[in-house]
Amino acid sequence: MVAAVAPNISDYVGLVINVIKLVSTVLAVMVVTRYGRKTITLLGNLSLGLIDIGIALFFVLHSWEPSGYLIFVLLIGFNVVYGMTLGPVVWLYVP
């Protein structure tokens, strides 16, 4: 008889990220109609740049214990910002 293996958190990371992307894309429709494409695109580029700098810094500080968790949080933040700004905004209202 095969023993049941307890699920690991890594089994659900892909699901969590895809659900976050779906929710942020749905929210993007409401945000774009309120603030416009140009504003959302500029804020998205700025935010994604800052998040990338944060991820790079935490990779440099890899000996610091919580850096792995903070990188994961920043990657989820990257997905949320991208899902609300650059991802769908370009395709929602094509001129």
Protein backbone atom coordinates (compact mmCIF):
# COMPACT_ATOMS: atom_id res chain seq x y z
CA MET A 1 0.00 0.00 0.00
CA VAL A 2 1.30 3.46 -0.92
CA ALA A 3 1.47 6.03 1.86
CA ALA A 4 -0.31 9.32 1.27
CA VAL A 5 2.03 12.24 0.84
CA ALA A 6 1.04 15.50 2.50
CA PRO A 7 0.78 18.37 0.02
CA ASN A 8 3.59 20.88 0.13
CA ILE A 9 3.14 24.64 -0.23
CA SER A 10 5.15 24.51 -3.45
CA ASP A 11 2.33 22.46 -4.99
CA TYR A 12 0.01 25.47 -4.74
CA VAL A 13 2.31 28.32 -5.78
CA GLY A 14 1.30 28.15 -9.45
CA LEU A 15 -2.38 28.11 -8.56
CA VAL A 16 -2.03 31.09 -6.22
CA ILE A 17 -0.13 33.13 -8.79
CA ASN A 18 -2.65 32.41 -11.55
CA VAL A 19 -5.61 33.32 -9.32
CA ILE A 20 -3.86 36.58 -8.42
CA LYS A 21 -3.28 37.30 -12.11
CA LEU A 22 -6.95 36.66 -12.89
CA VAL A 23 -8.21 38.95 -10.13
CA SER A 24 -5.79 41.73 -11.04
CA THR A 25 -6.74 41.53 -14.72
CA VAL A 26 -10.43 41.87 -13.84
CA LEU A 27 -9.61 44.88 -11.65
CA ALA A 28 -7.61 46.41 -14.50
CA VAL A 29 -10.77 46.97 -16.54
CA MET A 30 -12.21 49.17 -13.79
CA VAL A 31 -8.93 51.01 -13.19
CA VAL A 32 -8.33 51.82 -16.87
CA THR A 33 -11.80 53.25 -17.39
CA ARG A 34 -11.27 55.56 -14.41
CA TYR A 35 -7.68 56.78 -14.86
CA GLY A 36 -6.87 56.24 -18.53
CA ARG A 37 -4.26 54.23 -20.41
CA LYS A 38 -1.34 56.66 -20.27
CA THR A 39 -1.42 57.11 -16.49
CA ILE A 40 -1.76 53.40 -15.82
CA THR A 41 1.08 52.57 -18.22
CA LEU A 42 3.45 55.10 -16.64
CA LEU A 43 2.61 53.97 -13.10
CA GLY A 44 3.00 50.36 -14.15
CA ASN A 45 6.45 50.95 -15.63
CA LEU A 46 7.61 52.83 -12.52
CA SER A 47 6.22 50.22 -10.14
CA LEU A 48 7.65 47.27 -12.06
CA GLY A 49 11.06 48.96 -12.18
CA LEU A 50 11.05 49.50 -8.41
CA ILE A 51 9.95 45.93 -7.76
CA ASP A 52 12.73 44.64 -10.03
CA ILE A 53 15.30 46.69 -8.11
CA GLY A 54 13.95 45.25 -4.84
CA ILE A 55 14.19 41.69 -6.17
CA ALA A 56 17.77 42.31 -7.31
CA LEU A 57 18.73 43.70 -3.89
CA PHE A 58 17.27 40.71 -2.08
CA PHE A 59 19.12 38.34 -4.41
CA VAL A 60 22.35 40.16 -3.51
CA LEU A 61 21.47 39.80 0.19
CA HIS A 62 20.78 36.06 -0.19
CA SER A 63 22.60 35.30 3.07
CA TRP A 64 19.94 37.25 4.99
CA GLU A 65 17.37 34.70 6.23
CA PRO A 66 14.04 36.33 5.20
CA SER A 67 15.26 37.39 1.75
CA GLY A 68 13.72 34.32 0.07
CA TYR A 69 10.28 35.10 1.48
CA LEU A 70 10.58 38.75 0.50
CA ILE A 71 11.57 37.78 -3.04
CA PHE A 72 8.44 35.60 -3.23
CA VAL A 73 6.28 38.50 -1.98
CA LEU A 74 7.86 40.85 -4.51
CA LEU A 75 7.27 38.34 -7.31
CA ILE A 76 3.59 38.17 -6.38
CA GLY A 77 3.56 41.98 -6.26
CA PHE A 78 5.14 42.02 -9.71
CA ASN A 79 2.39 39.76 -11.04
CA VAL A 80 -0.32 41.95 -9.48
CA VAL A 81 1.14 45.18 -10.86
CA TYR A 82 1.74 43.66 -14.28
CA GLY A 83 -1.75 42.15 -14.31
CA MET A 84 -3.30 45.53 -13.52
CA THR A 85 -1.14 47.74 -15.73
CA LEU A 86 1.00 46.65 -18.65
CA GLY A 87 -0.51 43.23 -19.29
CA PRO A 88 -4.12 44.05 -20.10
CA VAL A 89 -3.97 47.83 -20.58
CA VAL A 90 -2.29 47.55 -23.94
CA TRP A 91 -4.99 45.16 -25.16
CA LEU A 92 -8.09 46.69 -23.55
CA TYR A 93 -8.27 49.92 -25.52
CA VAL A 94 -6.34 49.74 -28.75
CA PRO A 95 -6.57 53.14 -30.51
